[in-house]
Amino acid sequence: MYLNRINELLERSMTESGFKFWKALYSKIPPAWDRLASSTKKYHNKSNGRVPTIAEHTYEMLYAAEKLLRTFDIRVKTQEADTILLAVTLHDAFKYGINPDEAEFTTNTHDQIMADSIVKNKETFKKVFTESQVTQIETAIRYHAGRWSSGIPNTFRLDDLDPVTLFVHFLDMMSSRDLIKIGDK
């Protein structure tokens, strides 16, 4: 259900080339969208104690992001919107690692795994995005957990993050604390 909503929102808000790129990426991402956003059920709890799937969590973030693009003076159906929406969509795509069928629990290095995958496939991303946009997507995903991001230096500070990365981080934290309401719960 939420994966369909993700696709509907992205098709409505992304450029045609951005959405086609997402669809091609989707076919290559190991399916973990219906797995829990917190395998231990300690995090991401809703007010009733339920833990959402990765797809539901991602949809909440996309729903809020789409509504808040104006804060960056960005309109839907632009490459700038594509950059932010793709970063949000991919931020937890490897939450259970590269082989989710073999993982019982989420991995705390999922940010690095996805960001490194983007770096490795940079030339493919550059077919649709500029080099700086690819870097923006990679950085937003790599540091979407803020101070909890894997592989960050001990001197990490929020003011070290660019606005888009900070935006994705805040959306992630708000969704994980049940602060984003999508109107159908």
N, C-alpha and C. Protein backbone atom coordinates (compact mmCIF):
# COMPACT_ATOMS: atom_id res chain seq x y z
N MET A 1 0.82 -1.20 0.00
CA MET A 1 0.00 0.00 0.00
C MET A 1 0.86 1.27 0.00
N TYR A 2 1.84 1.34 0.94
CA TYR A 2 2.64 2.56 1.02
C TYR A 2 3.62 2.67 -0.14
N LEU A 3 4.07 1.56 -0.68
CA LEU A 3 4.95 1.63 -1.85
C LEU A 3 4.19 2.21 -3.04
N ASN A 4 2.93 1.87 -3.17
CA ASN A 4 2.10 2.48 -4.23
C ASN A 4 1.97 3.98 -4.00
N ARG A 5 1.78 4.39 -2.76
CA ARG A 5 1.68 5.82 -2.45
C ARG A 5 2.99 6.54 -2.74
N ILE A 6 4.11 5.89 -2.43
CA ILE A 6 5.42 6.48 -2.74
C ILE A 6 5.50 6.73 -4.24
N ASN A 7 5.18 5.71 -5.02
CA ASN A 7 5.27 5.85 -6.48
C ASN A 7 4.32 6.91 -7.02
N GLU A 8 3.11 6.98 -6.49
CA GLU A 8 2.15 8.00 -6.92
C GLU A 8 2.68 9.40 -6.60
N LEU A 9 3.21 9.59 -5.41
CA LEU A 9 3.74 10.90 -5.01
C LEU A 9 4.93 11.28 -5.88
N LEU A 10 5.83 10.34 -6.11
CA LEU A 10 7.01 10.64 -6.93
C LEU A 10 6.62 10.94 -8.37
N GLU A 11 5.69 10.19 -8.91
CA GLU A 11 5.26 10.45 -10.28
C GLU A 11 4.62 11.84 -10.40
N ARG A 12 3.87 12.22 -9.38
CA ARG A 12 3.19 13.52 -9.35
C ARG A 12 4.18 14.68 -9.17
N SER A 13 5.27 14.44 -8.45
CA SER A 13 6.14 15.54 -8.04
C SER A 13 7.50 15.59 -8.73
N MET A 14 7.92 14.50 -9.34
CA MET A 14 9.23 14.47 -9.99
C MET A 14 9.09 14.79 -11.48
N THR A 15 10.20 15.17 -12.08
CA THR A 15 10.23 15.32 -13.54
C THR A 15 10.07 13.93 -14.15
N GLU A 16 9.75 13.89 -15.41
CA GLU A 16 9.61 12.60 -16.09
C GLU A 16 10.91 11.80 -16.03
N SER A 17 12.04 12.47 -16.30
CA SER A 17 13.32 11.76 -16.27
C SER A 17 13.69 11.33 -14.86
N GLY A 18 13.38 12.14 -13.86
CA GLY A 18 13.65 11.78 -12.47
C GLY A 18 12.84 10.57 -12.05
N PHE A 19 11.57 10.54 -12.43
CA PHE A 19 10.71 9.41 -12.06
C PHE A 19 11.15 8.13 -12.78
N LYS A 20 11.51 8.24 -14.05
CA LYS A 20 12.01 7.07 -14.78
C LYS A 20 13.28 6.53 -14.11
N PHE A 21 14.13 7.44 -13.67
CA PHE A 21 15.35 7.04 -12.99
C PHE A 21 15.01 6.29 -11.70
N TRP A 22 14.06 6.83 -10.92
CA TRP A 22 13.63 6.16 -9.70
C TRP A 22 13.12 4.75 -10.01
N LYS A 23 12.29 4.61 -11.04
CA LYS A 23 11.73 3.30 -11.38
C LYS A 23 12.84 2.31 -11.74
N ALA A 24 13.87 2.78 -12.46
CA ALA A 24 14.99 1.90 -12.80
C ALA A 24 15.77 1.52 -11.53
N LEU A 25 15.98 2.48 -10.64
CA LEU A 25 16.66 2.18 -9.37
C LEU A 25 15.86 1.19 -8.53
N TYR A 26 14.56 1.42 -8.46
CA TYR A 26 13.69 0.56 -7.66
C TYR A 26 13.84 -0.91 -8.04
N SER A 27 13.96 -1.16 -9.33
CA SER A 27 14.08 -2.55 -9.80
C SER A 27 15.39 -3.20 -9.36
N LYS A 28 16.36 -2.40 -8.93
CA LYS A 28 17.66 -2.92 -8.52
C LYS A 28 17.85 -2.98 -7.00
N ILE A 29 16.92 -2.37 -6.26
CA ILE A 29 17.04 -2.33 -4.81
C ILE A 29 16.41 -3.59 -4.22
N PRO A 30 17.17 -4.33 -3.39
CA PRO A 30 16.59 -5.53 -2.77
C PRO A 30 15.34 -5.16 -1.97
N PRO A 31 14.27 -5.92 -2.13
CA PRO A 31 12.99 -5.54 -1.52
C PRO A 31 12.98 -5.69 0.01
N ALA A 32 12.99 -4.57 0.70
CA ALA A 32 12.86 -4.57 2.15
C ALA A 32 11.80 -3.56 2.57
N TRP A 33 11.07 -3.02 1.63
CA TRP A 33 10.12 -1.95 1.89
C TRP A 33 9.03 -2.34 2.89
N ASP A 34 8.66 -3.61 2.92
CA ASP A 34 7.60 -4.07 3.82
C ASP A 34 8.13 -4.58 5.16
N ARG A 35 9.42 -4.44 5.38
CA ARG A 35 10.01 -4.82 6.67
C ARG A 35 9.87 -3.66 7.65
N LEU A 36 9.95 -3.95 8.93
CA LEU A 36 9.80 -2.92 9.95
C LEU A 36 10.92 -1.90 9.90
N ALA A 37 10.59 -0.65 10.14
CA ALA A 37 11.60 0.42 10.18
C ALA A 37 12.54 0.23 11.36
N SER A 38 12.08 -0.47 12.39
CA SER A 38 12.92 -0.82 13.55
C SER A 38 12.74 -2.30 13.83
N SER A 39 13.75 -3.09 13.52
CA SER A 39 13.63 -4.54 13.69
C SER A 39 13.49 -4.95 15.15
N THR A 40 14.02 -4.15 16.06
CA THR A 40 13.91 -4.46 17.49
C THR A 40 12.63 -3.92 18.10
N LYS A 41 11.92 -3.10 17.34
CA LYS A 41 10.68 -2.44 17.76
C LYS A 41 10.91 -1.43 18.90
N LYS A 42 12.15 -1.01 19.08
CA LYS A 42 12.47 0.00 20.11
C LYS A 42 12.27 1.43 19.59
N TYR A 43 12.34 1.58 18.28
CA TYR A 43 12.31 2.90 17.68
C TYR A 43 11.15 3.01 16.69
N HIS A 44 10.86 4.21 16.27
CA HIS A 44 9.84 4.48 15.25
C HIS A 44 8.42 4.16 15.72
N ASN A 45 8.20 4.00 17.00
CA ASN A 45 6.88 3.62 17.49
C ASN A 45 5.84 4.71 17.23
N LYS A 46 4.67 4.27 16.78
CA LYS A 46 3.51 5.15 16.64
C LYS A 46 2.85 5.28 18.01
N SER A 47 1.90 6.16 18.13
CA SER A 47 1.25 6.40 19.43
C SER A 47 0.58 5.14 19.99
N ASN A 48 0.20 4.22 19.12
CA ASN A 48 -0.42 2.98 19.58
C ASN A 48 0.59 1.85 19.79
N GLY A 49 1.89 2.16 19.66
CA GLY A 49 2.95 1.18 19.86
C GLY A 49 3.37 0.42 18.62
N ARG A 50 2.62 0.58 17.55
CA ARG A 50 2.93 -0.10 16.28
C ARG A 50 4.20 0.49 15.66
N VAL A 51 4.98 -0.35 15.02
CA VAL A 51 6.17 0.11 14.29
C VAL A 51 5.86 0.05 12.80
N PRO A 52 6.05 1.15 12.08
CA PRO A 52 5.73 1.16 10.64
C PRO A 52 6.76 0.40 9.81
N THR A 53 6.38 0.12 8.59
CA THR A 53 7.33 -0.46 7.65
C THR A 53 8.25 0.65 7.12
N ILE A 54 9.29 0.24 6.45
CA ILE A 54 10.19 1.21 5.81
C ILE A 54 9.40 2.03 4.79
N ALA A 55 8.51 1.39 4.05
CA ALA A 55 7.72 2.11 3.05
C ALA A 55 6.83 3.17 3.70
N GLU A 56 6.18 2.83 4.81
CA GLU A 56 5.32 3.80 5.48
C GLU A 56 6.14 4.98 6.01
N HIS A 57 7.26 4.67 6.65
CA HIS A 57 8.16 5.71 7.17
C HIS A 57 8.64 6.62 6.03
N THR A 58 9.04 6.03 4.93
CA THR A 58 9.52 6.79 3.78
C THR A 58 8.39 7.64 3.20
N TYR A 59 7.21 7.07 3.10
CA TYR A 59 6.09 7.84 2.57
C TYR A 59 5.78 9.05 3.45
N GLU A 60 5.80 8.87 4.76
CA GLU A 60 5.55 10.01 5.66
C GLU A 60 6.55 11.13 5.38
N MET A 61 7.81 10.77 5.24
CA MET A 61 8.84 11.77 4.97
C MET A 61 8.60 12.45 3.62
N LEU A 62 8.26 11.67 2.60
CA LEU A 62 8.00 12.24 1.28
C LEU A 62 6.78 13.15 1.30
N TYR A 63 5.75 12.75 2.00
CA TYR A 63 4.53 13.53 2.12
C TYR A 63 4.85 14.91 2.69
N ALA A 64 5.62 14.92 3.77
CA ALA A 64 6.00 16.19 4.39
C ALA A 64 6.96 16.98 3.49
N ALA A 65 7.92 16.29 2.90
CA ALA A 65 8.89 16.97 2.03
C ALA A 65 8.21 17.67 0.88
N GLU A 66 7.28 16.98 0.23
CA GLU A 66 6.56 17.56 -0.91
C GLU A 66 5.86 18.86 -0.49
N LYS A 67 5.26 18.84 0.69
CA LYS A 67 4.54 20.02 1.18
C LYS A 67 5.48 21.15 1.59
N LEU A 68 6.72 20.80 1.95
CA LEU A 68 7.66 21.80 2.45
C LEU A 68 8.71 22.25 1.43
N LEU A 69 8.66 21.75 0.21
CA LEU A 69 9.63 22.17 -0.81
C LEU A 69 9.67 23.69 -0.96
N ARG A 70 8.52 24.32 -0.74
CA ARG A 70 8.45 25.79 -0.87
C ARG A 70 9.42 26.50 0.06
N THR A 71 9.78 25.87 1.19
CA THR A 71 10.71 26.51 2.12
C THR A 71 12.08 26.73 1.48
N PHE A 72 12.37 25.94 0.44
CA PHE A 72 13.63 26.09 -0.30
C PHE A 72 13.41 26.84 -1.62
N ASP A 73 12.18 27.36 -1.81
CA ASP A 73 11.80 28.02 -3.06
C ASP A 73 11.96 27.05 -4.24
N ILE A 74 11.55 25.80 -3.99
CA ILE A 74 11.63 24.75 -5.01
C ILE A 74 10.22 24.30 -5.38
N ARG A 75 9.99 24.19 -6.66
CA ARG A 75 8.70 23.71 -7.16
C ARG A 75 8.83 22.23 -7.54
N VAL A 76 7.70 21.53 -7.50
CA VAL A 76 7.70 20.15 -7.96
C VAL A 76 7.99 20.14 -9.46
N LYS A 77 8.32 18.97 -9.96
CA LYS A 77 8.63 18.77 -11.38
C LYS A 77 9.87 19.55 -11.82
N THR A 78 10.83 19.70 -10.90
CA THR A 78 12.12 20.31 -11.22
C THR A 78 13.22 19.35 -10.76
N GLN A 79 14.41 19.51 -11.30
CA GLN A 79 15.53 18.67 -10.88
C GLN A 79 15.86 18.88 -9.41
N GLU A 80 15.65 20.09 -8.92
CA GLU A 80 15.91 20.36 -7.51
C GLU A 80 14.96 19.54 -6.62
N ALA A 81 13.70 19.47 -7.02
CA ALA A 81 12.74 18.65 -6.28
C ALA A 81 13.11 17.17 -6.40
N ASP A 82 13.51 16.76 -7.61
CA ASP A 82 13.93 15.36 -7.81
C ASP A 82 15.06 15.00 -6.86
N THR A 83 16.02 15.90 -6.69
CA THR A 83 17.18 15.65 -5.84
C THR A 83 16.74 15.37 -4.40
N ILE A 84 15.89 16.22 -3.87
CA ILE A 84 15.44 16.06 -2.48
C ILE A 84 14.56 14.82 -2.34
N LEU A 85 13.61 14.65 -3.24
CA LEU A 85 12.69 13.52 -3.14
C LEU A 85 13.41 12.18 -3.30
N LEU A 86 14.41 12.13 -4.17
CA LEU A 86 15.16 10.88 -4.33
C LEU A 86 15.99 10.59 -3.07
N ALA A 87 16.59 11.62 -2.50
CA ALA A 87 17.36 11.41 -1.26
C ALA A 87 16.46 10.86 -0.16
N VAL A 88 15.28 11.43 -0.02
CA VAL A 88 14.33 10.94 0.99
C VAL A 88 13.95 9.50 0.68
N THR A 89 13.63 9.21 -0.56
CA THR A 89 13.18 7.88 -0.95
C THR A 89 14.23 6.81 -0.69
N LEU A 90 15.48 7.14 -0.96
CA LEU A 90 16.56 6.15 -0.84
C LEU A 90 17.20 6.07 0.55
N HIS A 91 16.88 6.99 1.44
CA HIS A 91 17.63 7.08 2.70
C HIS A 91 17.64 5.79 3.52
N ASP A 92 16.59 5.01 3.50
CA ASP A 92 16.54 3.76 4.27
C ASP A 92 16.40 2.52 3.38
N ALA A 93 16.65 2.67 2.10
CA ALA A 93 16.45 1.56 1.16
C ALA A 93 17.31 0.34 1.50
N PHE A 94 18.48 0.56 2.08
CA PHE A 94 19.36 -0.56 2.48
C PHE A 94 19.37 -0.73 3.99
N LYS A 95 18.25 -0.44 4.63
CA LYS A 95 18.17 -0.51 6.10
C LYS A 95 18.49 -1.92 6.61
N TYR A 96 18.21 -2.93 5.80
CA TYR A 96 18.54 -4.30 6.17
C TYR A 96 19.75 -4.80 5.39
N GLY A 97 20.55 -3.87 4.88
CA GLY A 97 21.76 -4.22 4.16
C GLY A 97 21.51 -4.54 2.69
N ILE A 98 22.54 -5.04 2.05
CA ILE A 98 22.50 -5.37 0.62
C ILE A 98 21.63 -6.60 0.37
N ASN A 99 21.63 -7.54 1.31
CA ASN A 99 20.85 -8.78 1.18
C ASN A 99 19.83 -8.86 2.30
N PRO A 100 18.72 -8.15 2.18
CA PRO A 100 17.76 -8.11 3.29
C PRO A 100 17.15 -9.46 3.65
N ASP A 101 17.10 -10.39 2.69
CA ASP A 101 16.55 -11.71 2.99
C ASP A 101 17.42 -12.47 3.99
N GLU A 102 18.69 -12.09 4.06
CA GLU A 102 19.62 -12.76 4.97
C GLU A 102 19.78 -12.02 6.29
N ALA A 103 19.10 -10.89 6.46
CA ALA A 103 19.26 -10.06 7.66
C ALA A 103 18.04 -10.16 8.57
N GLU A 104 18.30 -10.49 9.81
CA GLU A 104 17.22 -10.50 10.80
C GLU A 104 16.97 -9.09 11.32
N PHE A 105 18.05 -8.31 11.43
CA PHE A 105 17.97 -6.98 12.02
C PHE A 105 18.44 -5.91 11.04
N THR A 106 18.02 -4.68 11.30
CA THR A 106 18.50 -3.55 10.51
C THR A 106 19.99 -3.38 10.77
N THR A 107 20.65 -2.72 9.84
CA THR A 107 22.08 -2.46 10.01
C THR A 107 22.29 -0.97 10.25
N ASN A 108 23.13 -0.65 11.24
CA ASN A 108 23.35 0.77 11.54
C ASN A 108 24.29 1.42 10.52
N THR A 109 24.75 0.68 9.53
CA THR A 109 25.59 1.28 8.48
C THR A 109 24.81 1.45 7.17
N HIS A 110 23.47 1.37 7.24
CA HIS A 110 22.67 1.47 6.01
C HIS A 110 22.89 2.80 5.30
N ASP A 111 23.17 3.87 6.05
CA ASP A 111 23.45 5.17 5.44
C ASP A 111 24.70 5.11 4.58
N GLN A 112 25.75 4.51 5.13
CA GLN A 112 27.01 4.38 4.39
C GLN A 112 26.86 3.46 3.18
N ILE A 113 26.13 2.36 3.35
CA ILE A 113 25.96 1.41 2.26
C ILE A 113 25.31 2.09 1.05
N MET A 114 24.22 2.82 1.30
CA MET A 114 23.53 3.48 0.18
C MET A 114 24.38 4.61 -0.39
N ALA A 115 24.98 5.43 0.47
CA ALA A 115 25.80 6.55 -0.01
C ALA A 115 26.98 6.03 -0.83
N ASP A 116 27.63 4.98 -0.35
CA ASP A 116 28.76 4.40 -1.09
C ASP A 116 28.30 3.82 -2.42
N SER A 117 27.08 3.27 -2.46
CA SER A 117 26.53 2.75 -3.70
C SER A 117 26.31 3.87 -4.72
N ILE A 118 25.88 5.02 -4.22
CA ILE A 118 25.70 6.18 -5.11
C ILE A 118 27.04 6.65 -5.66
N VAL A 119 28.04 6.72 -4.81
CA VAL A 119 29.39 7.11 -5.25
C VAL A 119 29.88 6.12 -6.31
N LYS A 120 29.70 4.84 -6.05
CA LYS A 120 30.15 3.80 -6.98
C LYS A 120 29.44 3.91 -8.33
N ASN A 121 28.19 4.34 -8.32
CA ASN A 121 27.38 4.44 -9.54
C ASN A 121 27.16 5.89 -9.98
N LYS A 122 28.09 6.75 -9.63
CA LYS A 122 27.96 8.18 -9.90
C LYS A 122 27.69 8.49 -11.37
N GLU A 123 28.36 7.79 -12.26
CA GLU A 123 28.19 8.06 -13.69
C GLU A 123 26.76 7.75 -14.15
N THR A 124 26.15 6.74 -13.57
CA THR A 124 24.75 6.43 -13.89
C THR A 124 23.85 7.56 -13.40
N PHE A 125 24.08 8.02 -12.17
CA PHE A 125 23.28 9.12 -11.62
C PHE A 125 23.45 10.39 -12.45
N LYS A 126 24.66 10.61 -12.99
CA LYS A 126 24.94 11.82 -13.77
C LYS A 126 24.24 11.83 -15.13
N LYS A 127 23.61 10.74 -15.49
CA LYS A 127 22.80 10.73 -16.72
C LYS A 127 21.52 11.53 -16.53
N VAL A 128 21.13 11.74 -15.27
CA VAL A 128 19.91 12.48 -14.96
C VAL A 128 20.19 13.72 -14.12
N PHE A 129 21.17 13.63 -13.24
CA PHE A 129 21.47 14.71 -12.30
C PHE A 129 22.85 15.32 -12.58
N THR A 130 23.02 16.56 -12.16
CA THR A 130 24.34 17.18 -12.26
C THR A 130 25.26 16.55 -11.21
N GLU A 131 26.53 16.77 -11.37
CA GLU A 131 27.48 16.23 -10.38
C GLU A 131 27.20 16.75 -8.98
N SER A 132 26.87 18.03 -8.87
CA SER A 132 26.59 18.59 -7.54
C SER A 132 25.29 18.01 -6.96
N GLN A 133 24.32 17.69 -7.81
CA GLN A 133 23.08 17.08 -7.32
C GLN A 133 23.33 15.64 -6.86
N VAL A 134 24.18 14.92 -7.57
CA VAL A 134 24.54 13.57 -7.15
C VAL A 134 25.22 13.63 -5.78
N THR A 135 26.12 14.58 -5.62
CA THR A 135 26.79 14.76 -4.33
C THR A 135 25.78 15.12 -3.25
N GLN A 136 24.81 15.95 -3.59
CA GLN A 136 23.76 16.34 -2.64
C GLN A 136 22.96 15.13 -2.18
N ILE A 137 22.57 14.27 -3.12
CA ILE A 137 21.82 13.06 -2.78
C ILE A 137 22.67 12.16 -1.89
N GLU A 138 23.90 11.95 -2.28
CA GLU A 138 24.81 11.09 -1.52
C GLU A 138 25.02 11.63 -0.11
N THR A 139 25.26 12.91 0.02
CA THR A 139 25.51 13.52 1.33
C THR A 139 24.26 13.48 2.21
N ALA A 140 23.11 13.77 1.63
CA ALA A 140 21.87 13.74 2.42
C ALA A 140 21.60 12.34 2.96
N ILE A 141 21.91 11.33 2.17
CA ILE A 141 21.71 9.95 2.63
C ILE A 141 22.78 9.56 3.64
N ARG A 142 24.02 9.90 3.36
CA ARG A 142 25.13 9.52 4.25
C ARG A 142 24.94 10.08 5.65
N TYR A 143 24.39 11.29 5.76
CA TYR A 143 24.27 11.94 7.07
C TYR A 143 22.82 12.13 7.52
N HIS A 144 21.89 11.35 6.95
CA HIS A 144 20.47 11.53 7.30
C HIS A 144 20.18 11.23 8.77
N ALA A 145 21.04 10.49 9.43
CA ALA A 145 20.82 10.19 10.86
C ALA A 145 21.51 11.21 11.76
N GLY A 146 22.03 12.29 11.17
CA GLY A 146 22.66 13.33 11.98
C GLY A 146 23.82 12.77 12.80
N ARG A 147 23.83 13.06 14.08
CA ARG A 147 24.95 12.63 14.92
C ARG A 147 25.03 11.12 15.09
N TRP A 148 23.98 10.40 14.69
CA TRP A 148 23.99 8.94 14.77
C TRP A 148 24.42 8.30 13.46
N SER A 149 24.76 9.10 12.47
CA SER A 149 25.20 8.55 11.18
C SER A 149 26.46 7.72 11.39
N SER A 150 26.57 6.64 10.64
CA SER A 150 27.76 5.79 10.78
C SER A 150 28.95 6.43 10.08
N GLY A 151 30.11 6.24 10.65
CA GLY A 151 31.33 6.72 10.03
C GLY A 151 31.58 8.21 10.13
N ILE A 152 30.92 8.90 11.05
CA ILE A 152 31.15 10.34 11.17
C ILE A 152 32.22 10.60 12.24
N PRO A 153 32.92 11.70 12.11
CA PRO A 153 33.93 12.02 13.12
C PRO A 153 33.30 12.43 14.46
N ASN A 154 34.04 12.29 15.52
CA ASN A 154 33.55 12.65 16.85
C ASN A 154 33.27 14.15 16.98
N THR A 155 33.77 14.93 16.05
CA THR A 155 33.58 16.37 16.10
C THR A 155 32.34 16.82 15.33
N PHE A 156 31.49 15.89 14.95
CA PHE A 156 30.30 16.19 14.15
C PHE A 156 29.41 17.22 14.84
N ARG A 157 28.91 18.18 14.04
CA ARG A 157 27.97 19.19 14.54
C ARG A 157 26.89 19.40 13.48
N LEU A 158 25.68 19.68 13.93
CA LEU A 158 24.58 19.89 12.99
C LEU A 158 24.86 21.03 12.02
N ASP A 159 25.58 22.04 12.48
CA ASP A 159 25.84 23.16 11.56
C ASP A 159 26.85 22.79 10.47
N ASP A 160 27.39 21.56 10.54
CA ASP A 160 28.24 21.07 9.46
C ASP A 160 27.41 20.56 8.27
N LEU A 161 26.10 20.40 8.48
CA LEU A 161 25.24 19.86 7.43
C LEU A 161 24.70 20.97 6.54
N ASP A 162 24.62 20.67 5.23
CA ASP A 162 24.00 21.62 4.31
C ASP A 162 22.49 21.58 4.53
N PRO A 163 21.75 22.57 4.05
CA PRO A 163 20.31 22.65 4.32
C PRO A 163 19.50 21.42 3.87
N VAL A 164 19.82 20.84 2.73
CA VAL A 164 19.05 19.69 2.27
C VAL A 164 19.31 18.47 3.16
N THR A 165 20.54 18.25 3.53
CA THR A 165 20.86 17.13 4.42
C THR A 165 20.19 17.32 5.77
N LEU A 166 20.22 18.53 6.28
CA LEU A 166 19.55 18.83 7.55
C LEU A 166 18.04 18.61 7.42
N PHE A 167 17.47 19.00 6.29
CA PHE A 167 16.05 18.80 6.02
C PHE A 167 15.69 17.30 6.06
N VAL A 168 16.48 16.48 5.36
CA VAL A 168 16.23 15.04 5.35
C VAL A 168 16.38 14.47 6.76
N HIS A 169 17.38 14.93 7.48
CA HIS A 169 17.60 14.49 8.87
C HIS A 169 16.39 14.84 9.73
N PHE A 170 15.92 16.06 9.65
CA PHE A 170 14.76 16.47 10.46
C PHE A 170 13.51 15.67 10.08
N LEU A 171 13.29 15.46 8.80
CA LEU A 171 12.14 14.65 8.38
C LEU A 171 12.23 13.24 8.95
N ASP A 172 13.43 12.68 8.91
CA ASP A 172 13.64 11.33 9.45
C ASP A 172 13.35 11.29 10.95
N MET A 173 13.88 12.26 11.67
CA MET A 173 13.66 12.30 13.12
C MET A 173 12.19 12.54 13.45
N MET A 174 11.54 13.41 12.69
CA MET A 174 10.12 13.69 12.94
C MET A 174 9.26 12.46 12.68
N SER A 175 9.52 11.75 11.60
CA SER A 175 8.76 10.55 11.32
C SER A 175 9.03 9.48 12.37
N SER A 176 10.27 9.32 12.76
CA SER A 176 10.61 8.27 13.74
C SER A 176 10.02 8.55 15.12
N ARG A 177 9.62 9.78 15.35
CA ARG A 177 9.00 10.15 16.63
C ARG A 177 7.51 10.41 16.49
N ASP A 178 6.95 9.94 15.38
CA ASP A 178 5.51 10.03 15.11
C ASP A 178 4.99 11.46 15.10
N LEU A 179 5.75 12.35 14.52
CA LEU A 179 5.37 13.77 14.47
C LEU A 179 4.85 14.21 13.11
N ILE A 180 4.86 13.32 12.13
CA ILE A 180 4.33 13.66 10.81
C ILE A 180 2.98 12.98 10.67
N LYS A 181 1.98 13.76 10.40
CA LYS A 181 0.64 13.23 10.24
C LYS A 181 0.22 13.32 8.78
N ILE A 182 -0.18 12.21 8.23
CA ILE A 182 -0.54 12.18 6.81
C ILE A 182 -2.05 12.14 6.60
N GLY A 183 -2.80 12.21 7.66
CA GLY A 183 -4.25 12.38 7.54
C GLY A 183 -5.07 11.12 7.36
N ASP A 184 -4.45 9.95 7.37
CA ASP A 184 -5.26 8.74 7.18
C ASP A 184 -4.98 7.67 8.22
N LYS A 185 -4.50 8.07 9.38
CA LYS A 185 -4.16 7.07 10.40
C LYS A 185 -5.28 6.88 11.36
